[in-house]
């Protein structure tokens, strides 16, 4: 079917035959559970009527080879960044509540939304920072640098799920 991939009937996914890790480009994968799977979408049919919208699409799950070390780095980076976010955001919220009388209602509400948005964005950036510190690709860059996935995206597939 697809060159360099075998289809797993049970998981309905394509597993890579390549054994070199796509994230560190050095180690060999020993277990398919370490492989990072990416869902790709293609729109089959889109209906846009005045009162009704629908979209029909196909999903393709493709594996990107990843060694156990890179998987561990990715998972630890996510957990470290979430932990730091869960520590920093409540401290900033506490400071915001402490100074509510000084700031006023408008600045309090604006500060609340800024802290929440910065928490989500900061967590993502911290994850990228921790992974880059280990000299490997983060998940997003590893996906974008995969030659086969690039070809599928050029053929009309997308990493984003279509919506009506």
C-alpha atoms as a PDB file:
ATOM      1  CA  UNK A   1       0.000   0.000   0.000  1.00  0.00           C
ATOM      2  CA  UNK A   2       2.301   2.748   1.262  1.00  0.00           C
ATOM      3  CA  UNK A   3       6.002   2.261   0.735  1.00  0.00           C
ATOM      4  CA  UNK A   4       8.079   1.948   3.954  1.00  0.00           C
ATOM      5  CA  UNK A   5       4.941   1.450   6.086  1.00  0.00           C
ATOM      6  CA  UNK A   6       2.979  -1.613   7.154  1.00  0.00           C
ATOM      7  CA  UNK A   7      -0.740  -1.417   7.882  1.00  0.00           C
ATOM      8  CA  UNK A   8      -1.803  -2.531  11.369  1.00  0.00           C
ATOM      9  CA  UNK A   9      -5.347  -3.916  11.044  1.00  0.00           C
ATOM     10  CA  UNK A  10      -5.994  -3.854  14.792  1.00  0.00           C
ATOM     11  CA  UNK A  11      -5.044  -0.198  15.352  1.00  0.00           C
ATOM     12  CA  UNK A  12      -6.056   0.925  11.838  1.00  0.00           C
ATOM     13  CA  UNK A  13      -2.744   2.736  11.422  1.00  0.00           C
ATOM     14  CA  UNK A  14       0.370   2.688   9.276  1.00  0.00           C
ATOM     15  CA  UNK A  15       3.480   1.669  11.214  1.00  0.00           C
ATOM     16  CA  UNK A  16       6.899   2.692   9.906  1.00  0.00           C
ATOM     17  CA  UNK A  17       9.400   0.121   8.678  1.00  0.00           C
ATOM     18  CA  UNK A  18      12.173   2.682   9.236  1.00  0.00           C
ATOM     19  CA  UNK A  19      13.902   2.065  12.555  1.00  0.00           C
ATOM     20  CA  UNK A  20      15.940   5.276  12.886  1.00  0.00           C
ATOM     21  CA  UNK A  21      14.374   7.781  15.280  1.00  0.00           C
ATOM     22  CA  UNK A  22      13.028  10.832  13.409  1.00  0.00           C
ATOM     23  CA  UNK A  23      13.525  13.112  16.418  1.00  0.00           C
ATOM     24  CA  UNK A  24      17.160  12.505  17.420  1.00  0.00           C
ATOM     25  CA  UNK A  25      18.153  10.903  14.091  1.00  0.00           C
ATOM     26  CA  UNK A  26      20.546   8.562  15.907  1.00  0.00           C
ATOM     27  CA  UNK A  27      18.892   5.840  17.975  1.00  0.00           C
ATOM     28  CA  UNK A  28      16.970   2.840  16.686  1.00  0.00           C
ATOM     29  CA  UNK A  29      13.411   2.112  17.735  1.00  0.00           C
ATOM     30  CA  UNK A  30      12.966  -1.154  19.570  1.00  0.00           C
ATOM     31  CA  UNK A  31       9.275  -1.026  20.422  1.00  0.00           C
ATOM     32  CA  UNK A  32       6.393   0.172  18.240  1.00  0.00           C
ATOM     33  CA  UNK A  33       4.732   1.652  21.363  1.00  0.00           C
ATOM     34  CA  UNK A  34       7.375   4.407  21.331  1.00  0.00           C
ATOM     35  CA  UNK A  35       6.328   5.474  17.829  1.00  0.00           C
ATOM     36  CA  UNK A  36       4.465   8.782  17.630  1.00  0.00           C
ATOM     37  CA  UNK A  37       1.269   8.507  15.573  1.00  0.00           C
ATOM     38  CA  UNK A  38      -0.152  11.475  13.690  1.00  0.00           C
ATOM     39  CA  UNK A  39      -3.698  11.766  12.381  1.00  0.00           C
ATOM     40  CA  UNK A  40      -4.014  13.220   8.882  1.00  0.00           C
ATOM     41  CA  UNK A  41      -7.347  14.319   7.414  1.00  0.00           C
ATOM     42  CA  UNK A  42      -8.682  14.813   3.902  1.00  0.00           C
ATOM     43  CA  UNK A  43     -12.086  16.267   3.052  1.00  0.00           C
ATOM     44  CA  UNK A  44     -14.239  13.926   0.950  1.00  0.00           C
ATOM     45  CA  UNK A  45     -17.447  15.960   0.769  1.00  0.00           C
ATOM     46  CA  UNK A  46     -18.526  19.350   2.052  1.00  0.00           C
ATOM     47  CA  UNK A  47     -22.134  20.558   2.115  1.00  0.00           C
ATOM     48  CA  UNK A  48     -22.970  24.197   2.854  1.00  0.00           C
ATOM     49  CA  UNK A  49     -26.670  24.973   2.717  1.00  0.00           C
ATOM     50  CA  UNK A  50     -28.356  27.949   4.330  1.00  0.00           C
ATOM     51  CA  UNK A  51     -29.490  26.027   7.411  1.00  0.00           C
ATOM     52  CA  UNK A  52     -27.288  22.934   7.244  1.00  0.00           C
ATOM     53  CA  UNK A  53     -23.555  22.306   7.081  1.00  0.00           C
ATOM     54  CA  UNK A  54     -21.725  19.012   7.001  1.00  0.00           C
ATOM     55  CA  UNK A  55     -18.310  17.721   6.133  1.00  0.00           C
ATOM     56  CA  UNK A  56     -17.250  14.157   5.432  1.00  0.00           C
ATOM     57  CA  UNK A  57     -13.584  13.328   5.756  1.00  0.00           C
ATOM     58  CA  UNK A  58     -11.156  10.434   5.928  1.00  0.00           C
ATOM     59  CA  UNK A  59      -8.599   9.888   8.655  1.00  0.00           C
ATOM     60  CA  UNK A  60      -5.174   8.341   8.153  1.00  0.00           C
ATOM     61  CA  UNK A  61      -2.967   7.493  11.144  1.00  0.00           C
ATOM     62  CA  UNK A  62       0.745   7.500  10.273  1.00  0.00           C
ATOM     63  CA  UNK A  63       3.552   6.499  12.637  1.00  0.00           C
ATOM     64  CA  UNK A  64       6.723   8.530  12.985  1.00  0.00           C
ATOM     65  CA  UNK A  65       9.616   6.448  14.327  1.00  0.00           C
ATOM     66  CA  UNK A  66      10.676   7.560  17.814  1.00  0.00           C
ATOM     67  CA  UNK A  67      13.109   5.888  20.208  1.00  0.00           C
ATOM     68  CA  UNK A  68      12.333   5.273  23.870  1.00  0.00           C
ATOM     69  CA  UNK A  69      14.715   8.031  24.943  1.00  0.00           C
ATOM     70  CA  UNK A  70      12.994  10.664  22.809  1.00  0.00           C
ATOM     71  CA  UNK A  71       9.578   9.498  23.983  1.00  0.00           C
ATOM     72  CA  UNK A  72      10.708   9.875  27.580  1.00  0.00           C
ATOM     73  CA  UNK A  73      12.116  13.360  26.874  1.00  0.00           C
ATOM     74  CA  UNK A  74       8.861  14.437  25.195  1.00  0.00           C
ATOM     75  CA  UNK A  75       6.707  13.122  28.051  1.00  0.00           C
ATOM     76  CA  UNK A  76       8.922  14.572  30.800  1.00  0.00           C
ATOM     77  CA  UNK A  77       9.028  17.955  29.042  1.00  0.00           C
ATOM     78  CA  UNK A  78       5.244  18.103  28.903  1.00  0.00           C
ATOM     79  CA  UNK A  79       4.867  17.146  32.566  1.00  0.00           C
ATOM     80  CA  UNK A  80       7.570  19.632  33.680  1.00  0.00           C
ATOM     81  CA  UNK A  81       6.010  22.494  31.746  1.00  0.00           C
ATOM     82  CA  UNK A  82       2.524  21.694  33.082  1.00  0.00           C
ATOM     83  CA  UNK A  83       3.859  21.548  36.632  1.00  0.00           C
ATOM     84  CA  UNK A  84       5.568  24.923  36.272  1.00  0.00           C
ATOM     85  CA  UNK A  85       2.424  26.406  34.731  1.00  0.00           C
ATOM     86  CA  UNK A  86       0.304  25.052  37.597  1.00  0.00           C
ATOM     87  CA  UNK A  87       2.711  26.725  40.040  1.00  0.00           C
ATOM     88  CA  UNK A  88       3.142  30.096  38.300  1.00  0.00           C
ATOM     89  CA  UNK A  89      -0.466  30.772  37.216  1.00  0.00           C
ATOM     90  CA  UNK A  90      -1.986  30.442  40.751  1.00  0.00           C
ATOM     91  CA  UNK A  91       0.750  32.698  42.156  1.00  0.00           C
ATOM     92  CA  UNK A  92      -0.017  35.345  39.530  1.00  0.00           C
ATOM     93  CA  UNK A  93      -3.765  34.945  40.159  1.00  0.00           C
ATOM     94  CA  UNK A  94      -3.157  35.393  43.875  1.00  0.00           C
ATOM     95  CA  UNK A  95      -1.230  38.593  43.228  1.00  0.00           C
ATOM     96  CA  UNK A  96      -4.012  39.775  40.944  1.00  0.00           C
ATOM     97  CA  UNK A  97      -6.640  39.159  43.649  1.00  0.00           C
ATOM     98  CA  UNK A  98      -4.430  40.793  46.258  1.00  0.00           C
ATOM     99  CA  UNK A  99      -4.161  44.005  44.220  1.00  0.00           C
ATOM    100  CA  UNK A 100      -7.800  44.064  43.004  1.00  0.00           C
ATOM    101  CA  UNK A 101      -8.618  47.221  44.957  1.00  0.00           C
ATOM    102  CA  UNK A 102      -5.646  49.041  43.436  1.00  0.00           C
ATOM    103  CA  UNK A 103      -6.177  47.847  39.857  1.00  0.00           C
ATOM    104  CA  UNK A 104      -9.907  48.325  39.477  1.00  0.00           C
ATOM    105  CA  UNK A 105     -12.415  46.033  37.818  1.00  0.00           C
ATOM    106  CA  UNK A 106     -11.340  46.589  34.192  1.00  0.00           C
ATOM    107  CA  UNK A 107      -7.654  45.857  34.802  1.00  0.00           C
ATOM    108  CA  UNK A 108      -8.583  42.920  37.023  1.00  0.00           C
ATOM    109  CA  UNK A 109     -10.674  41.296  34.262  1.00  0.00           C
ATOM    110  CA  UNK A 110      -8.030  42.060  31.620  1.00  0.00           C
ATOM    111  CA  UNK A 111      -5.311  40.678  33.901  1.00  0.00           C
ATOM    112  CA  UNK A 112      -7.314  37.523  34.512  1.00  0.00           C
ATOM    113  CA  UNK A 113      -7.638  36.775  30.792  1.00  0.00           C
ATOM    114  CA  UNK A 114      -4.004  37.666  30.123  1.00  0.00           C
ATOM    115  CA  UNK A 115      -2.794  35.301  32.850  1.00  0.00           C
ATOM    116  CA  UNK A 116      -4.975  32.432  31.586  1.00  0.00           C
ATOM    117  CA  UNK A 117      -3.864  32.941  27.964  1.00  0.00           C
ATOM    118  CA  UNK A 118      -0.226  33.290  29.022  1.00  0.00           C
ATOM    119  CA  UNK A 119      -0.565  30.053  31.000  1.00  0.00           C
ATOM    120  CA  UNK A 120      -1.636  28.074  27.931  1.00  0.00           C
ATOM    121  CA  UNK A 121       0.896  29.725  25.619  1.00  0.00           C
ATOM    122  CA  UNK A 122       3.679  29.573  28.210  1.00  0.00           C
ATOM    123  CA  UNK A 123       3.124  25.892  28.871  1.00  0.00           C
ATOM    124  CA  UNK A 124       3.482  25.145  25.169  1.00  0.00           C
ATOM    125  CA  UNK A 125       6.637  27.274  24.867  1.00  0.00           C
ATOM    126  CA  UNK A 126       8.157  25.718  27.999  1.00  0.00           C
ATOM    127  CA  UNK A 127       7.627  22.261  26.500  1.00  0.00           C
ATOM    128  CA  UNK A 128       9.434  23.344  23.335  1.00  0.00           C
ATOM    129  CA  UNK A 129      12.246  24.857  25.432  1.00  0.00           C
ATOM    130  CA  UNK A 130      12.775  21.687  27.490  1.00  0.00           C
ATOM    131  CA  UNK A 131      12.818  19.492  24.366  1.00  0.00           C
ATOM    132  CA  UNK A 132      15.215  21.835  22.510  1.00  0.00           C
ATOM    133  CA  UNK A 133      17.548  21.716  25.505  1.00  0.00           C
ATOM    134  CA  UNK A 134      17.954  17.978  24.839  1.00  0.00           C
ATOM    135  CA  UNK A 135      18.941  18.589  21.170  1.00  0.00           C
ATOM    136  CA  UNK A 136      16.048  16.669  19.622  1.00  0.00           C
ATOM    137  CA  UNK A 137      13.070  17.737  17.509  1.00  0.00           C
ATOM    138  CA  UNK A 138       9.868  18.593  19.312  1.00  0.00           C
ATOM    139  CA  UNK A 139       6.720  16.747  18.182  1.00  0.00           C
ATOM    140  CA  UNK A 140       5.549  19.502  15.835  1.00  0.00           C
ATOM    141  CA  UNK A 141       8.922  19.909  14.102  1.00  0.00           C
ATOM    142  CA  UNK A 142       9.394  16.147  13.888  1.00  0.00           C
ATOM    143  CA  UNK A 143       6.050  15.861  12.101  1.00  0.00           C
ATOM    144  CA  UNK A 144       6.814  18.718   9.708  1.00  0.00           C
ATOM    145  CA  UNK A 145      10.259  17.317   8.861  1.00  0.00           C
ATOM    146  CA  UNK A 146       8.940  13.875   7.969  1.00  0.00           C
ATOM    147  CA  UNK A 147       9.290  13.521   4.184  1.00  0.00           C
ATOM    148  CA  UNK A 148       6.285  11.230   3.750  1.00  0.00           C
ATOM    149  CA  UNK A 149       3.934  13.454   5.744  1.00  0.00           C
ATOM    150  CA  UNK A 150       5.125  16.481   3.749  1.00  0.00           C
ATOM    151  CA  UNK A 151       4.179  14.646   0.552  1.00  0.00           C
ATOM    152  CA  UNK A 152       0.731  13.773   1.937  1.00  0.00           C
ATOM    153  CA  UNK A 153       0.130  17.408   2.911  1.00  0.00           C
ATOM    154  CA  UNK A 154       1.093  18.474  -0.613  1.00  0.00           C
ATOM    155  CA  UNK A 155      -1.436  15.905  -1.919  1.00  0.00           C
ATOM    156  CA  UNK A 156      -4.275  17.568   0.015  1.00  0.00           C
ATOM    157  CA  UNK A 157      -4.106  15.930   3.440  1.00  0.00           C
ATOM    158  CA  UNK A 158      -4.113  18.136   6.546  1.00  0.00           C
ATOM    159  CA  UNK A 159      -2.992  17.891  10.154  1.00  0.00           C
ATOM    160  CA  UNK A 160      -6.135  19.776  11.219  1.00  0.00           C
ATOM    161  CA  UNK A 161      -9.517  18.091  11.437  1.00  0.00           C
ATOM    162  CA  UNK A 162     -11.998  19.632   8.996  1.00  0.00           C
ATOM    163  CA  UNK A 163     -15.013  21.369  10.471  1.00  0.00           C
ATOM    164  CA  UNK A 164     -18.364  22.207   8.956  1.00  0.00           C
END
